[in-house]
Amino acid sequence: MLRITLRDGEKAIINGAVIRAVGRTQFAVENQVSILRGREVMRPEEATTPARQLYFAAMLAYIDPDNRQSHQDTVVTLLGLLVSRFASDAARSACIAFAQDIAQGEYYKALSAARDLIAFESEADEAAQAA
């Protein structure tokens, strides 16, 4: 069982349905579902870099199983782009961890690895601007 607490006005996605809390809300999830809380949801206009686009595609693969293959195709393309872009071993290891999670169908776990990739991408962009 998973217990979720949402603040007043906070949104979540459960199996593709967007819900919004009216008042502080608690609920318990008693079966297997795809769930994202508001802070984990990326809007399309926020997918402005390859790593952010990768997160967005992985998020869609997680919450939109009917179109999962299309989203996974996008993930593969974007992951190839990022691997070639990253120079550090740590960033490439994060790419591998992400790919393993996706290959095993662990989409929620892959989102965590994608957040790491966004951080690596930001660091690489900052280093390039400083040079």
N, C-alpha and C. Protein backbone atom coordinates (compact mmCIF):
# COMPACT_ATOMS: atom_id res chain seq x y z
N MET A 1 0.84 -1.18 0.00
CA MET A 1 0.00 0.00 0.00
C MET A 1 0.89 1.24 0.00
N LEU A 2 0.53 2.20 -0.81
CA LEU A 2 1.24 3.47 -0.92
C LEU A 2 0.32 4.57 -0.41
N ARG A 3 0.80 5.35 0.54
CA ARG A 3 0.02 6.46 1.08
C ARG A 3 0.54 7.75 0.46
N ILE A 4 -0.37 8.54 -0.10
CA ILE A 4 -0.04 9.79 -0.76
C ILE A 4 -0.76 10.93 -0.04
N THR A 5 -0.04 12.01 0.18
CA THR A 5 -0.64 13.24 0.72
C THR A 5 -0.43 14.36 -0.29
N LEU A 6 -1.50 15.04 -0.63
CA LEU A 6 -1.44 16.17 -1.54
C LEU A 6 -1.90 17.43 -0.79
N ARG A 7 -1.17 18.51 -1.02
CA ARG A 7 -1.57 19.80 -0.45
C ARG A 7 -2.73 20.37 -1.26
N ASP A 8 -3.42 21.32 -0.68
CA ASP A 8 -4.53 21.98 -1.37
C ASP A 8 -4.05 22.52 -2.72
N GLY A 9 -4.73 22.12 -3.78
CA GLY A 9 -4.40 22.59 -5.12
C GLY A 9 -3.34 21.78 -5.83
N GLU A 10 -2.62 20.90 -5.11
CA GLU A 10 -1.57 20.10 -5.74
C GLU A 10 -2.21 19.07 -6.68
N LYS A 11 -1.53 18.85 -7.81
CA LYS A 11 -2.02 17.90 -8.80
C LYS A 11 -1.21 16.62 -8.77
N ALA A 12 -1.82 15.57 -9.27
CA ALA A 12 -1.15 14.29 -9.46
C ALA A 12 -1.76 13.63 -10.69
N ILE A 13 -1.03 12.70 -11.26
CA ILE A 13 -1.54 11.91 -12.38
C ILE A 13 -1.59 10.46 -11.90
N ILE A 14 -2.76 9.87 -12.03
CA ILE A 14 -2.94 8.46 -11.66
C ILE A 14 -3.51 7.75 -12.87
N ASN A 15 -2.71 6.83 -13.42
CA ASN A 15 -3.11 6.09 -14.63
C ASN A 15 -3.63 7.02 -15.72
N GLY A 16 -2.95 8.14 -15.90
CA GLY A 16 -3.28 9.06 -16.96
C GLY A 16 -4.32 10.11 -16.61
N ALA A 17 -5.01 9.94 -15.48
CA ALA A 17 -6.02 10.92 -15.07
C ALA A 17 -5.36 11.98 -14.19
N VAL A 18 -5.60 13.24 -14.50
CA VAL A 18 -5.07 14.33 -13.68
C VAL A 18 -6.08 14.60 -12.57
N ILE A 19 -5.58 14.57 -11.34
CA ILE A 19 -6.44 14.90 -10.20
C ILE A 19 -5.84 16.12 -9.50
N ARG A 20 -6.69 16.88 -8.82
CA ARG A 20 -6.24 18.05 -8.07
C ARG A 20 -6.88 17.98 -6.69
N ALA A 21 -6.06 18.18 -5.67
CA ALA A 21 -6.55 18.12 -4.30
C ALA A 21 -7.39 19.35 -3.98
N VAL A 22 -8.48 19.13 -3.33
CA VAL A 22 -9.30 20.21 -2.80
C VAL A 22 -9.16 20.10 -1.28
N GLY A 23 -8.37 20.99 -0.73
CA GLY A 23 -7.99 20.86 0.67
C GLY A 23 -6.87 19.84 0.79
N ARG A 24 -6.29 19.73 1.95
CA ARG A 24 -5.25 18.73 2.18
C ARG A 24 -5.90 17.36 2.06
N THR A 25 -5.32 16.52 1.24
CA THR A 25 -5.94 15.24 0.91
C THR A 25 -4.95 14.10 1.11
N GLN A 26 -5.43 13.04 1.72
CA GLN A 26 -4.64 11.81 1.83
C GLN A 26 -5.43 10.69 1.19
N PHE A 27 -4.70 9.82 0.50
CA PHE A 27 -5.36 8.62 0.00
C PHE A 27 -4.34 7.49 -0.03
N ALA A 28 -4.85 6.29 -0.03
CA ALA A 28 -4.01 5.10 -0.06
C ALA A 28 -4.25 4.38 -1.37
N VAL A 29 -3.16 4.00 -2.02
CA VAL A 29 -3.24 3.24 -3.27
C VAL A 29 -2.99 1.79 -2.90
N GLU A 30 -3.93 0.94 -3.22
CA GLU A 30 -3.85 -0.45 -2.77
C GLU A 30 -3.56 -1.44 -3.89
N ASN A 31 -3.34 -0.95 -5.10
CA ASN A 31 -2.97 -1.85 -6.19
C ASN A 31 -1.91 -1.17 -7.06
N GLN A 32 -1.47 -1.84 -8.10
CA GLN A 32 -0.42 -1.33 -8.98
C GLN A 32 -0.98 -0.29 -9.92
N VAL A 33 -0.47 0.95 -9.85
CA VAL A 33 -0.90 2.04 -10.73
C VAL A 33 0.31 2.86 -11.12
N SER A 34 0.15 3.63 -12.18
CA SER A 34 1.15 4.62 -12.57
C SER A 34 0.74 5.93 -11.93
N ILE A 35 1.60 6.46 -11.05
CA ILE A 35 1.25 7.68 -10.33
C ILE A 35 2.43 8.63 -10.31
N LEU A 36 2.16 9.89 -10.57
CA LEU A 36 3.15 10.95 -10.48
C LEU A 36 2.54 12.10 -9.69
N ARG A 37 3.30 12.62 -8.75
CA ARG A 37 2.85 13.80 -8.03
C ARG A 37 3.24 15.04 -8.83
N GLY A 38 2.63 16.16 -8.53
CA GLY A 38 2.81 17.39 -9.27
C GLY A 38 4.24 17.77 -9.54
N ARG A 39 5.11 17.64 -8.55
CA ARG A 39 6.51 18.05 -8.74
C ARG A 39 7.26 17.11 -9.68
N GLU A 40 6.72 15.93 -9.95
CA GLU A 40 7.36 14.98 -10.86
C GLU A 40 6.87 15.12 -12.29
N VAL A 41 5.81 15.90 -12.49
CA VAL A 41 5.20 16.07 -13.80
C VAL A 41 5.90 17.21 -14.54
N MET A 42 6.33 16.94 -15.76
CA MET A 42 6.93 17.96 -16.60
C MET A 42 5.93 18.32 -17.69
N ARG A 43 5.73 19.61 -17.88
CA ARG A 43 4.86 20.08 -18.96
C ARG A 43 5.66 20.11 -20.26
N PRO A 44 5.00 19.98 -21.40
CA PRO A 44 5.72 19.95 -22.69
C PRO A 44 6.63 21.16 -22.89
N GLU A 45 6.19 22.33 -22.48
CA GLU A 45 7.00 23.53 -22.68
C GLU A 45 8.26 23.56 -21.81
N GLU A 46 8.35 22.68 -20.82
CA GLU A 46 9.54 22.59 -19.97
C GLU A 46 10.60 21.66 -20.57
N ALA A 47 10.26 20.91 -21.58
CA ALA A 47 11.18 19.96 -22.22
C ALA A 47 12.03 20.70 -23.25
N THR A 48 12.95 21.54 -22.76
CA THR A 48 13.68 22.47 -23.62
C THR A 48 15.10 22.03 -23.97
N THR A 49 15.57 20.94 -23.39
CA THR A 49 16.91 20.43 -23.67
C THR A 49 16.80 18.93 -23.94
N PRO A 50 17.84 18.32 -24.50
CA PRO A 50 17.76 16.87 -24.75
C PRO A 50 17.47 16.04 -23.49
N ALA A 51 18.10 16.37 -22.36
CA ALA A 51 17.86 15.60 -21.13
C ALA A 51 16.43 15.82 -20.63
N ARG A 52 15.94 17.03 -20.73
CA ARG A 52 14.56 17.31 -20.31
C ARG A 52 13.57 16.62 -21.27
N GLN A 53 13.89 16.59 -22.56
CA GLN A 53 13.03 15.89 -23.52
C GLN A 53 13.03 14.39 -23.22
N LEU A 54 14.18 13.87 -22.79
CA LEU A 54 14.27 12.46 -22.41
C LEU A 54 13.37 12.18 -21.20
N TYR A 55 13.42 13.04 -20.19
CA TYR A 55 12.56 12.89 -19.02
C TYR A 55 11.10 12.91 -19.46
N PHE A 56 10.75 13.87 -20.30
CA PHE A 56 9.36 14.00 -20.75
C PHE A 56 8.90 12.74 -21.49
N ALA A 57 9.74 12.21 -22.38
CA ALA A 57 9.39 11.00 -23.13
C ALA A 57 9.25 9.80 -22.19
N ALA A 58 10.14 9.68 -21.21
CA ALA A 58 10.05 8.59 -20.25
C ALA A 58 8.80 8.73 -19.39
N MET A 59 8.48 9.96 -19.02
CA MET A 59 7.27 10.21 -18.24
C MET A 59 6.03 9.78 -19.02
N LEU A 60 6.00 10.13 -20.32
CA LEU A 60 4.87 9.72 -21.16
C LEU A 60 4.79 8.20 -21.30
N ALA A 61 5.94 7.55 -21.43
CA ALA A 61 5.95 6.09 -21.52
C ALA A 61 5.37 5.48 -20.25
N TYR A 62 5.59 6.12 -19.13
CA TYR A 62 5.09 5.64 -17.84
C TYR A 62 3.58 5.83 -17.71
N ILE A 63 3.09 7.01 -18.09
CA ILE A 63 1.67 7.30 -17.84
C ILE A 63 0.76 7.04 -19.04
N ASP A 64 1.34 6.73 -20.20
CA ASP A 64 0.55 6.52 -21.42
C ASP A 64 0.90 5.16 -22.04
N PRO A 65 0.49 4.08 -21.39
CA PRO A 65 0.89 2.75 -21.89
C PRO A 65 0.37 2.42 -23.29
N ASP A 66 -0.74 3.03 -23.69
CA ASP A 66 -1.28 2.75 -25.03
C ASP A 66 -0.33 3.21 -26.14
N ASN A 67 0.49 4.22 -25.87
CA ASN A 67 1.43 4.74 -26.86
C ASN A 67 2.88 4.54 -26.42
N ARG A 68 3.09 3.58 -25.55
CA ARG A 68 4.41 3.37 -24.95
C ARG A 68 5.50 3.13 -25.99
N GLN A 69 5.22 2.36 -27.02
CA GLN A 69 6.26 2.05 -28.02
C GLN A 69 6.75 3.32 -28.71
N SER A 70 5.85 4.20 -29.05
CA SER A 70 6.23 5.47 -29.67
C SER A 70 7.10 6.30 -28.73
N HIS A 71 6.71 6.35 -27.47
CA HIS A 71 7.49 7.10 -26.48
C HIS A 71 8.87 6.46 -26.28
N GLN A 72 8.92 5.13 -26.29
CA GLN A 72 10.20 4.44 -26.12
C GLN A 72 11.12 4.70 -27.32
N ASP A 73 10.57 4.79 -28.50
CA ASP A 73 11.37 5.12 -29.68
C ASP A 73 12.02 6.49 -29.51
N THR A 74 11.26 7.44 -28.99
CA THR A 74 11.79 8.78 -28.71
C THR A 74 12.88 8.70 -27.66
N VAL A 75 12.66 7.89 -26.62
CA VAL A 75 13.65 7.72 -25.55
C VAL A 75 14.97 7.21 -26.12
N VAL A 76 14.91 6.21 -26.98
CA VAL A 76 16.12 5.62 -27.56
C VAL A 76 16.89 6.67 -28.37
N THR A 77 16.18 7.43 -29.18
CA THR A 77 16.82 8.47 -29.99
C THR A 77 17.49 9.52 -29.10
N LEU A 78 16.79 10.00 -28.10
CA LEU A 78 17.33 11.04 -27.21
C LEU A 78 18.48 10.52 -26.36
N LEU A 79 18.38 9.28 -25.92
CA LEU A 79 19.45 8.71 -25.12
C LEU A 79 20.74 8.60 -25.93
N GLY A 80 20.62 8.21 -27.20
CA GLY A 80 21.80 8.16 -28.07
C GLY A 80 22.45 9.52 -28.21
N LEU A 81 21.63 10.55 -28.33
CA LEU A 81 22.15 11.92 -28.42
C LEU A 81 22.88 12.32 -27.15
N LEU A 82 22.32 12.00 -26.00
CA LEU A 82 22.94 12.38 -24.73
C LEU A 82 24.24 11.63 -24.48
N VAL A 83 24.27 10.35 -24.77
CA VAL A 83 25.48 9.56 -24.54
C VAL A 83 26.64 10.15 -25.34
N SER A 84 26.37 10.54 -26.56
CA SER A 84 27.44 11.12 -27.39
C SER A 84 27.83 12.51 -26.92
N ARG A 85 26.95 13.19 -26.22
CA ARG A 85 27.19 14.55 -25.77
C ARG A 85 27.98 14.61 -24.45
N PHE A 86 27.78 13.59 -23.58
CA PHE A 86 28.43 13.59 -22.27
C PHE A 86 29.84 13.06 -22.37
N ALA A 87 30.77 13.74 -21.70
CA ALA A 87 32.17 13.31 -21.70
C ALA A 87 32.53 12.57 -20.42
N SER A 88 31.86 12.88 -19.31
CA SER A 88 32.25 12.29 -18.03
C SER A 88 31.74 10.85 -17.88
N ASP A 89 32.54 10.06 -17.19
CA ASP A 89 32.15 8.67 -16.92
C ASP A 89 30.89 8.63 -16.06
N ALA A 90 30.77 9.56 -15.12
CA ALA A 90 29.60 9.58 -14.23
C ALA A 90 28.32 9.83 -15.03
N ALA A 91 28.37 10.75 -15.98
CA ALA A 91 27.20 11.04 -16.80
C ALA A 91 26.85 9.85 -17.69
N ARG A 92 27.87 9.23 -18.24
CA ARG A 92 27.60 8.05 -19.09
C ARG A 92 27.06 6.89 -18.25
N SER A 93 27.54 6.75 -17.03
CA SER A 93 27.00 5.72 -16.12
C SER A 93 25.54 5.99 -15.81
N ALA A 94 25.19 7.27 -15.65
CA ALA A 94 23.79 7.63 -15.41
C ALA A 94 22.94 7.28 -16.63
N CYS A 95 23.47 7.46 -17.83
CA CYS A 95 22.77 7.07 -19.05
C CYS A 95 22.51 5.56 -19.06
N ILE A 96 23.52 4.80 -18.66
CA ILE A 96 23.37 3.34 -18.62
C ILE A 96 22.33 2.93 -17.59
N ALA A 97 22.35 3.56 -16.42
CA ALA A 97 21.36 3.25 -15.38
C ALA A 97 19.95 3.55 -15.89
N PHE A 98 19.80 4.68 -16.56
CA PHE A 98 18.51 5.06 -17.13
C PHE A 98 18.07 4.01 -18.15
N ALA A 99 18.96 3.63 -19.05
CA ALA A 99 18.63 2.65 -20.09
C ALA A 99 18.22 1.31 -19.49
N GLN A 100 18.92 0.90 -18.43
CA GLN A 100 18.58 -0.36 -17.77
C GLN A 100 17.19 -0.31 -17.15
N ASP A 101 16.88 0.81 -16.51
CA ASP A 101 15.55 0.96 -15.91
C ASP A 101 14.46 0.89 -16.98
N ILE A 102 14.67 1.58 -18.10
CA ILE A 102 13.69 1.57 -19.19
C ILE A 102 13.54 0.16 -19.75
N ALA A 103 14.68 -0.52 -19.98
CA ALA A 103 14.65 -1.87 -20.55
C ALA A 103 13.90 -2.85 -19.65
N GLN A 104 13.95 -2.61 -18.35
CA GLN A 104 13.26 -3.49 -17.39
C GLN A 104 11.83 -3.05 -17.11
N GLY A 105 11.39 -2.00 -17.79
CA GLY A 105 10.04 -1.52 -17.58
C GLY A 105 9.85 -0.74 -16.29
N GLU A 106 10.94 -0.30 -15.70
CA GLU A 106 10.90 0.45 -14.44
C GLU A 106 10.87 1.95 -14.76
N TYR A 107 9.75 2.40 -15.30
CA TYR A 107 9.65 3.77 -15.80
C TYR A 107 9.75 4.81 -14.68
N TYR A 108 9.12 4.55 -13.56
CA TYR A 108 9.18 5.51 -12.45
C TYR A 108 10.62 5.64 -11.95
N LYS A 109 11.30 4.53 -11.82
CA LYS A 109 12.71 4.56 -11.40
C LYS A 109 13.57 5.28 -12.44
N ALA A 110 13.27 5.09 -13.71
CA ALA A 110 14.01 5.75 -14.79
C ALA A 110 13.88 7.27 -14.70
N LEU A 111 12.75 7.75 -14.21
CA LEU A 111 12.58 9.20 -14.08
C LEU A 111 13.59 9.79 -13.10
N SER A 112 13.93 9.05 -12.07
CA SER A 112 14.95 9.51 -11.13
C SER A 112 16.30 9.61 -11.82
N ALA A 113 16.64 8.60 -12.60
CA ALA A 113 17.90 8.63 -13.36
C ALA A 113 17.88 9.77 -14.38
N ALA A 114 16.73 10.04 -14.97
CA ALA A 114 16.62 11.15 -15.93
C ALA A 114 16.84 12.49 -15.24
N ARG A 115 16.39 12.62 -13.99
CA ARG A 115 16.67 13.86 -13.25
C ARG A 115 18.17 14.04 -13.05
N ASP A 116 18.88 12.93 -12.82
CA ASP A 116 20.35 13.00 -12.72
C ASP A 116 20.94 13.48 -14.05
N LEU A 117 20.41 12.99 -15.16
CA LEU A 117 20.91 13.39 -16.47
C LEU A 117 20.66 14.88 -16.73
N ILE A 118 19.53 15.39 -16.26
CA ILE A 118 19.26 16.82 -16.38
C ILE A 118 20.32 17.61 -15.62
N ALA A 119 20.68 17.13 -14.43
CA ALA A 119 21.72 17.81 -13.64
C ALA A 119 23.07 17.77 -14.34
N PHE A 120 23.43 16.62 -14.90
CA PHE A 120 24.70 16.51 -15.66
C PHE A 120 24.69 17.44 -16.86
N GLU A 121 23.57 17.51 -17.54
CA GLU A 121 23.46 18.38 -18.69
C GLU A 121 23.62 19.85 -18.30
N SER A 122 23.00 20.23 -17.19
CA SER A 122 23.12 21.61 -16.71
C SER A 122 24.57 21.94 -16.37
N GLU A 123 25.26 21.00 -15.70
CA GLU A 123 26.68 21.20 -15.36
C GLU A 123 27.52 21.35 -16.63
N ALA A 124 27.26 20.51 -17.63
CA ALA A 124 28.03 20.57 -18.88
C ALA A 124 27.77 21.90 -19.60
N ASP A 125 26.52 22.34 -19.59
CA ASP A 125 26.19 23.61 -20.24
C ASP A 125 26.86 24.79 -19.52
N GLU A 126 26.87 24.75 -18.19
CA GLU A 126 27.51 25.82 -17.42
C GLU A 126 29.02 25.84 -17.67
N ALA A 127 29.63 24.66 -17.74
CA ALA A 127 31.07 24.58 -18.00
C ALA A 127 31.40 25.11 -19.39
N ALA A 128 30.56 24.81 -20.37
CA ALA A 128 30.78 25.28 -21.74
C ALA A 128 30.64 26.80 -21.82
N GLN A 129 29.70 27.36 -21.07
CA GLN A 129 29.53 28.81 -21.08
C GLN A 129 30.67 29.52 -20.38
N ALA A 130 31.24 28.88 -19.36
CA ALA A 130 32.34 29.49 -18.61
C ALA A 130 33.65 29.45 -19.41
N ALA A 131 33.75 28.53 -20.33
CA ALA A 131 35.00 28.37 -21.12
C ALA A 131 35.13 29.40 -22.20
